[in-house]
C-alpha atoms as a PDB file:
ATOM      1  CA  MET A   1    -106.678 148.306-125.246  1.00  0.00           C
ATOM      2  CA  PRO A   2    -106.224 151.895-124.324  1.00  0.00           C
ATOM      3  CA  ALA A   3    -109.165 154.194-124.053  1.00  0.00           C
ATOM      4  CA  THR A   4    -109.558 156.555-126.947  1.00  0.00           C
ATOM      5  CA  LEU A   5    -111.372 159.999-126.987  1.00  0.00           C
ATOM      6  CA  SER A   6    -114.722 159.678-128.188  1.00  0.00           C
ATOM      7  CA  ARG A   7    -115.419 161.714-131.613  1.00  0.00           C
ATOM      8  CA  PHE A   8    -119.037 161.721-130.887  1.00  0.00           C
ATOM      9  CA  THR A   9    -120.913 165.238-130.119  1.00  0.00           C
ATOM     10  CA  PRO A  10    -122.453 165.274-126.786  1.00  0.00           C
ATOM     11  CA  VAL A  11    -126.379 165.245-126.346  1.00  0.00           C
ATOM     12  CA  PRO A  12    -128.308 167.377-124.237  1.00  0.00           C
ATOM     13  CA  LEU A  13    -130.019 164.973-121.586  1.00  0.00           C
ATOM     14  CA  GLU A  14    -133.494 166.373-122.797  1.00  0.00           C
ATOM     15  CA  GLN A  15    -132.648 164.992-126.265  1.00  0.00           C
ATOM     16  CA  ALA A  16    -131.113 161.413-125.226  1.00  0.00           C
ATOM     17  CA  SER A  17    -134.395 159.660-125.674  1.00  0.00           C
ATOM     18  CA  ARG A  18    -134.042 160.443-129.473  1.00  0.00           C
ATOM     19  CA  LEU A  19    -131.225 158.247-129.643  1.00  0.00           C
ATOM     20  CA  LEU A  20    -133.313 155.364-128.947  1.00  0.00           C
ATOM     21  CA  ASN A  21    -136.216 156.516-131.075  1.00  0.00           C
ATOM     22  CA  HIS A  22    -135.287 154.559-134.125  1.00  0.00           C
ATOM     23  CA  GLY A  23    -137.287 151.455-133.682  1.00  0.00           C
ATOM     24  CA  PRO A  24    -140.134 150.980-136.158  1.00  0.00           C
ATOM     25  CA  THR A  25    -142.956 153.450-135.945  1.00  0.00           C
ATOM     26  CA  VAL A  26    -146.186 151.736-135.162  1.00  0.00           C
ATOM     27  CA  LEU A  27    -149.654 152.650-135.753  1.00  0.00           C
ATOM     28  CA  VAL A  28    -151.741 152.175-132.512  1.00  0.00           C
ATOM     29  CA  THR A  29    -155.550 151.201-133.208  1.00  0.00           C
ATOM     30  CA  SER A  30    -158.423 151.259-130.658  1.00  0.00           C
ATOM     31  CA  ALA A  31    -162.206 150.828-130.354  1.00  0.00           C
ATOM     32  CA  ALA A  32    -164.600 150.923-127.741  1.00  0.00           C
ATOM     33  CA  GLY A  33    -168.231 151.943-127.412  1.00  0.00           C
ATOM     34  CA  GLY A  34    -168.720 152.314-131.140  1.00  0.00           C
ATOM     35  CA  ARG A  35    -165.725 154.780-131.496  1.00  0.00           C
ATOM     36  CA  ARG A  36    -162.471 153.882-132.929  1.00  0.00           C
ATOM     37  CA  ASN A  37    -159.103 155.726-133.383  1.00  0.00           C
ATOM     38  CA  ILE A  38    -155.809 155.419-134.835  1.00  0.00           C
ATOM     39  CA  MET A  39    -152.451 157.067-133.763  1.00  0.00           C
ATOM     40  CA  SER A  40    -148.799 156.739-134.275  1.00  0.00           C
ATOM     41  CA  ALA A  41    -146.294 155.822-131.827  1.00  0.00           C
ATOM     42  CA  ALA A  42    -142.520 155.960-132.019  1.00  0.00           C
ATOM     43  CA  TRP A  43    -141.887 154.038-128.984  1.00  0.00           C
ATOM     44  CA  SER A  44    -142.749 150.296-128.616  1.00  0.00           C
ATOM     45  CA  MET A  45    -140.826 147.265-127.972  1.00  0.00           C
ATOM     46  CA  PRO A  46    -141.140 143.576-127.072  1.00  0.00           C
ATOM     47  CA  VAL A  47    -140.694 142.747-123.546  1.00  0.00           C
ATOM     48  CA  GLU A  48    -141.404 138.988-123.281  1.00  0.00           C
ATOM     49  CA  PHE A  49    -141.150 136.018-125.772  1.00  0.00           C
ATOM     50  CA  SER A  50    -143.788 133.628-124.579  1.00  0.00           C
ATOM     51  CA  PRO A  51    -146.407 134.418-124.219  1.00  0.00           C
ATOM     52  CA  PRO A  52    -145.543 137.646-126.699  1.00  0.00           C
ATOM     53  CA  ARG A  53    -145.587 140.741-124.704  1.00  0.00           C
ATOM     54  CA  LEU A  54    -145.062 144.373-125.779  1.00  0.00           C
ATOM     55  CA  ALA A  55    -144.576 147.796-124.142  1.00  0.00           C
ATOM     56  CA  VAL A  56    -146.060 150.715-126.084  1.00  0.00           C
ATOM     57  CA  VAL A  57    -145.964 154.358-125.004  1.00  0.00           C
ATOM     58  CA  ILE A  58    -149.514 155.869-125.435  1.00  0.00           C
ATOM     59  CA  ASP A  59    -149.906 159.321-123.699  1.00  0.00           C
ATOM     60  CA  LYS A  60    -152.333 159.097-120.906  1.00  0.00           C
ATOM     61  CA  HIS A  61    -154.196 162.183-122.441  1.00  0.00           C
ATOM     62  CA  THR A  62    -154.911 160.805-125.880  1.00  0.00           C
ATOM     63  CA  TYR A  63    -158.069 159.684-127.402  1.00  0.00           C
ATOM     64  CA  THR A  64    -156.503 156.330-128.178  1.00  0.00           C
ATOM     65  CA  ARG A  65    -155.555 155.855-124.480  1.00  0.00           C
ATOM     66  CA  GLU A  66    -159.095 156.549-123.421  1.00  0.00           C
ATOM     67  CA  LEU A  67    -160.471 153.848-125.994  1.00  0.00           C
ATOM     68  CA  VAL A  68    -157.629 151.410-124.982  1.00  0.00           C
ATOM     69  CA  MET A  69    -158.423 151.711-121.309  1.00  0.00           C
ATOM     70  CA  ALA A  70    -162.048 151.346-122.001  1.00  0.00           C
ATOM     71  CA  SER A  71    -161.680 148.121-124.038  1.00  0.00           C
ATOM     72  CA  GLY A  72    -158.422 146.655-122.650  1.00  0.00           C
ATOM     73  CA  HIS A  73    -157.611 145.933-126.457  1.00  0.00           C
ATOM     74  CA  VAL A  74    -154.971 147.582-128.621  1.00  0.00           C
ATOM     75  CA  GLY A  75    -154.040 147.058-132.283  1.00  0.00           C
ATOM     76  CA  ILE A  76    -150.486 147.510-133.340  1.00  0.00           C
ATOM     77  CA  CYS A  77    -149.623 147.959-137.060  1.00  0.00           C
ATOM     78  CA  VAL A  78    -146.222 148.428-138.453  1.00  0.00           C
ATOM     79  CA  PRO A  79    -146.430 150.815-141.440  1.00  0.00           C
ATOM     80  CA  GLY A  80    -144.240 150.735-144.537  1.00  0.00           C
ATOM     81  CA  ALA A  81    -142.545 153.650-146.428  1.00  0.00           C
ATOM     82  CA  ALA A  82    -145.609 154.044-148.696  1.00  0.00           C
ATOM     83  CA  PHE A  83    -147.554 155.116-145.526  1.00  0.00           C
ATOM     84  CA  ALA A  84    -145.190 157.793-144.203  1.00  0.00           C
ATOM     85  CA  ASP A  85    -147.725 160.811-144.786  1.00  0.00           C
ATOM     86  CA  LYS A  86    -150.663 159.000-143.026  1.00  0.00           C
ATOM     87  CA  ALA A  87    -148.427 157.865-140.291  1.00  0.00           C
ATOM     88  CA  TYR A  88    -147.460 161.419-139.750  1.00  0.00           C
ATOM     89  CA  ALA A  89    -151.135 162.739-140.134  1.00  0.00           C
ATOM     90  CA  VAL A  90    -152.594 160.224-137.595  1.00  0.00           C
ATOM     91  CA  GLY A  91    -149.916 160.979-135.115  1.00  0.00           C
ATOM     92  CA  SER A  92    -150.230 164.865-135.613  1.00  0.00           C
ATOM     93  CA  SER A  93    -154.099 165.034-135.008  1.00  0.00           C
ATOM     94  CA  SER A  94    -156.556 164.068-132.336  1.00  0.00           C
ATOM     95  CA  GLY A  95    -159.649 161.866-133.059  1.00  0.00           C
ATOM     96  CA  ARG A  96    -161.471 164.073-130.367  1.00  0.00           C
ATOM     97  CA  ASP A  97    -161.293 166.852-133.078  1.00  0.00           C
ATOM     98  CA  LEU A  98    -163.128 165.113-135.722  1.00  0.00           C
ATOM     99  CA  GLY A  99    -166.752 165.019-134.343  1.00  0.00           C
ATOM    100  CA  ALA A 100    -168.864 162.077-135.784  1.00  0.00           C
ATOM    101  CA  ARG A 101    -165.994 161.071-138.249  1.00  0.00           C
ATOM    102  CA  ASP A 102    -162.666 159.135-137.052  1.00  0.00           C
ATOM    103  CA  LYS A 103    -159.241 159.467-138.352  1.00  0.00           C
ATOM    104  CA  PHE A 104    -159.600 156.052-140.386  1.00  0.00           C
ATOM    105  CA  ASP A 105    -162.304 158.057-142.446  1.00  0.00           C
ATOM    106  CA  ALA A 106    -160.588 161.459-142.525  1.00  0.00           C
ATOM    107  CA  TYR A 107    -157.517 160.104-144.038  1.00  0.00           C
ATOM    108  CA  ALA A 108    -159.060 157.241-146.160  1.00  0.00           C
ATOM    109  CA  ILE A 109    -157.500 154.274-144.339  1.00  0.00           C
ATOM    110  CA  PRO A 110    -159.303 151.092-145.072  1.00  0.00           C
ATOM    111  CA  THR A 111    -159.354 148.567-142.275  1.00  0.00           C
ATOM    112  CA  VAL A 112    -159.907 144.749-141.663  1.00  0.00           C
ATOM    113  CA  THR A 113    -160.968 143.313-138.700  1.00  0.00           C
ATOM    114  CA  GLY A 114    -158.829 141.489-136.237  1.00  0.00           C
ATOM    115  CA  PRO A 115    -159.743 137.803-136.067  1.00  0.00           C
ATOM    116  CA  VAL A 116    -159.624 137.556-132.399  1.00  0.00           C
ATOM    117  CA  LEU A 117    -160.679 140.982-130.744  1.00  0.00           C
ATOM    118  CA  GLY A 118    -162.311 142.497-133.548  1.00  0.00           C
ATOM    119  CA  LEU A 119    -160.105 145.412-133.702  1.00  0.00           C
ATOM    120  CA  PRO A 120    -159.725 147.623-136.574  1.00  0.00           C
ATOM    121  CA  LEU A 121    -156.351 146.832-138.201  1.00  0.00           C
ATOM    122  CA  VAL A 122    -154.593 148.275-141.237  1.00  0.00           C
ATOM    123  CA  GLU A 123    -153.151 146.208-144.033  1.00  0.00           C
ATOM    124  CA  GLU A 124    -152.784 148.750-146.793  1.00  0.00           C
ATOM    125  CA  GLY A 125    -149.292 150.101-146.785  1.00  0.00           C
ATOM    126  CA  VAL A 126    -148.368 148.084-143.725  1.00  0.00           C
ATOM    127  CA  ALA A 127    -145.983 145.260-143.244  1.00  0.00           C
ATOM    128  CA  ALA A 128    -147.546 143.471-140.232  1.00  0.00           C
ATOM    129  CA  TRP A 129    -150.164 143.805-137.450  1.00  0.00           C
ATOM    130  CA  LEU A 130    -150.735 142.493-134.033  1.00  0.00           C
ATOM    131  CA  GLU A 131    -154.008 142.237-131.925  1.00  0.00           C
ATOM    132  CA  CYS A 132    -153.228 142.559-128.307  1.00  0.00           C
ATOM    133  CA  ARG A 133    -154.855 142.572-124.982  1.00  0.00           C
ATOM    134  CA  LEU A 134    -153.940 144.858-122.128  1.00  0.00           C
ATOM    135  CA  ILE A 135    -152.027 143.665-119.414  1.00  0.00           C
ATOM    136  CA  PRO A 136    -153.597 145.441-116.247  1.00  0.00           C
ATOM    137  CA  GLU A 137    -150.829 147.457-114.310  1.00  0.00           C
ATOM    138  CA  PRO A 138    -152.837 149.938-112.213  1.00  0.00           C
ATOM    139  CA  HIS A 139    -149.697 151.707-110.749  1.00  0.00           C
ATOM    140  CA  THR A 140    -148.136 151.889-114.071  1.00  0.00           C
ATOM    141  CA  GLU A 141    -151.196 153.120-115.916  1.00  0.00           C
ATOM    142  CA  ALA A 142    -151.826 155.767-113.426  1.00  0.00           C
ATOM    143  CA  ALA A 143    -148.224 156.998-113.159  1.00  0.00           C
ATOM    144  CA  TYR A 144    -146.696 156.301-116.628  1.00  0.00           C
ATOM    145  CA  ASP A 145    -147.762 156.736-120.466  1.00  0.00           C
ATOM    146  CA  THR A 146    -146.301 152.951-120.984  1.00  0.00           C
ATOM    147  CA  CYS A 147    -149.004 150.303-121.642  1.00  0.00           C
ATOM    148  CA  PHE A 148    -147.841 146.543-121.358  1.00  0.00           C
ATOM    149  CA  VAL A 149    -149.935 144.318-123.686  1.00  0.00           C
ATOM    150  CA  GLU A 150    -150.095 140.612-124.692  1.00  0.00           C
ATOM    151  CA  VAL A 151    -150.281 139.685-128.536  1.00  0.00           C
ATOM    152  CA  VAL A 152    -153.226 137.371-129.137  1.00  0.00           C
ATOM    153  CA  SER A 153    -152.985 137.316-132.811  1.00  0.00           C
ATOM    154  CA  ALA A 154    -150.571 138.541-135.441  1.00  0.00           C
ATOM    155  CA  ALA A 155    -150.104 138.448-139.388  1.00  0.00           C
ATOM    156  CA  ALA A 156    -147.693 140.036-141.744  1.00  0.00           C
ATOM    157  CA  ASP A 157    -147.336 140.809-145.459  1.00  0.00           C
ATOM    158  CA  PRO A 158    -145.173 137.787-146.677  1.00  0.00           C
ATOM    159  CA  ARG A 159    -143.462 140.016-149.103  1.00  0.00           C
ATOM    160  CA  VAL A 160    -141.525 141.436-146.473  1.00  0.00           C
ATOM    161  CA  PHE A 161    -141.922 138.974-143.648  1.00  0.00           C
ATOM    162  CA  ALA A 162    -141.884 135.297-143.975  1.00  0.00           C
ATOM    163  CA  GLY A 163    -140.510 132.244-142.041  1.00  0.00           C
ATOM    164  CA  GLY A 164    -139.944 134.365-139.085  1.00  0.00           C
ATOM    165  CA  HIS A 165    -137.594 136.670-140.794  1.00  0.00           C
ATOM    166  CA  TRP A 166    -137.622 140.368-142.167  1.00  0.00           C
ATOM    167  CA  THR A 167    -136.553 140.774-145.745  1.00  0.00           C
ATOM    168  CA  PHE A 168    -135.980 144.220-146.918  1.00  0.00           C
ATOM    169  CA  ASP A 169    -135.099 144.405-150.753  1.00  0.00           C
ATOM    170  CA  GLU A 170    -135.738 146.703-153.969  1.00  0.00           C
ATOM    171  CA  GLY A 171    -138.869 144.553-154.656  1.00  0.00           C
ATOM    172  CA  ASN A 172    -140.664 145.693-151.411  1.00  0.00           C
ATOM    173  CA  ALA A 173    -139.451 149.148-150.776  1.00  0.00           C
ATOM    174  CA  ASP A 174    -142.842 150.325-150.122  1.00  0.00           C
ATOM    175  CA  LEU A 175    -143.065 148.110-147.225  1.00  0.00           C
ATOM    176  CA  HIS A 176    -139.733 149.004-145.566  1.00  0.00           C
ATOM    177  CA  THR A 177    -140.421 149.995-142.042  1.00  0.00           C
ATOM    178  CA  LEU A 178    -140.523 153.592-140.744  1.00  0.00           C
ATOM    179  CA  HIS A 179    -138.247 154.981-138.093  1.00  0.00           C
ATOM    180  CA  HIS A 180    -139.121 158.291-136.663  1.00  0.00           C
ATOM    181  CA  LEU A 181    -136.462 160.812-136.111  1.00  0.00           C
ATOM    182  CA  GLY A 182    -138.659 163.476-134.925  1.00  0.00           C
ATOM    183  CA  ALA A 183    -140.836 166.452-136.372  1.00  0.00           C
ATOM    184  CA  GLY A 184    -142.185 164.083-139.204  1.00  0.00           C
ATOM    185  CA  VAL A 185    -138.761 162.886-140.421  1.00  0.00           C
ATOM    186  CA  PHE A 186    -138.350 159.248-140.859  1.00  0.00           C
ATOM    187  CA  VAL A 187    -135.701 156.822-142.179  1.00  0.00           C
ATOM    188  CA  CYS A 188    -136.583 153.419-143.401  1.00  0.00           C
ATOM    189  CA  ALA A 189    -135.291 150.139-142.928  1.00  0.00           C
ATOM    190  CA  GLY A 190    -133.653 148.728-145.973  1.00  0.00           C
ATOM    191  CA  ARG A 191    -130.065 147.918-146.294  1.00  0.00           C
ATOM    192  CA  THR A 192    -129.308 144.614-144.486  1.00  0.00           C
ATOM    193  CA  VAL A 193    -125.958 143.562-142.917  1.00  0.00           C
ATOM    194  CA  ARG A 194    -125.213 140.115-142.055  1.00  0.00           C
ATOM    195  CA  ALA A 195    -122.722 139.621-139.391  1.00  0.00           C
ATOM    196  CA  LYS A 196    -119.994 136.903-139.922  1.00  0.00           C
ATOM    197  CA  PRO A 197    -118.706 134.769-136.969  1.00  0.00           C
ATOM    198  CA  LEU A 198    -115.435 136.015-135.668  1.00  0.00           C
ATOM    199  CA  ALA A 199    -114.273 132.488-134.737  1.00  0.00           C
END
């Protein structure tokens, strides 16, 4: 096939990462030494099937990262559309600035306790959660913001995830996952397209 000219508009390299920034936004929860925190993260992804492992970017200078490194544990929650305002709020503020309160209390976010690690996890307005153990990577931890974790327990709202598959429809629109485009703007998962074999 002959090559055709691209009809795409060039993207400056300093903005190129935004092209991949459409995966589901996650909430990262942490707890250590009687303190707890929650933040939003736009960059997370699975990296291994069995055991299930994830990579999540948690800035080294955040309060969440401090608690994750102290405990070796992290919660990953997948917020739905109804959680957009709170997802933006917890991603735009620091738990260090709240004194004796934490962001769960400040933004009226109820939690459940994770069954394996006892992490604070969110279910209200959330499609799923995963409890994870940090995989020690001294060089990576010192040099980068990426953390590698192993999932030790997981659960999902059956209205949107059942039988190992996501179902996005009009009946569960409040749980359609959020995908961050930048500056507090999200799109939601929703319209599903099923590919047909090209036999």
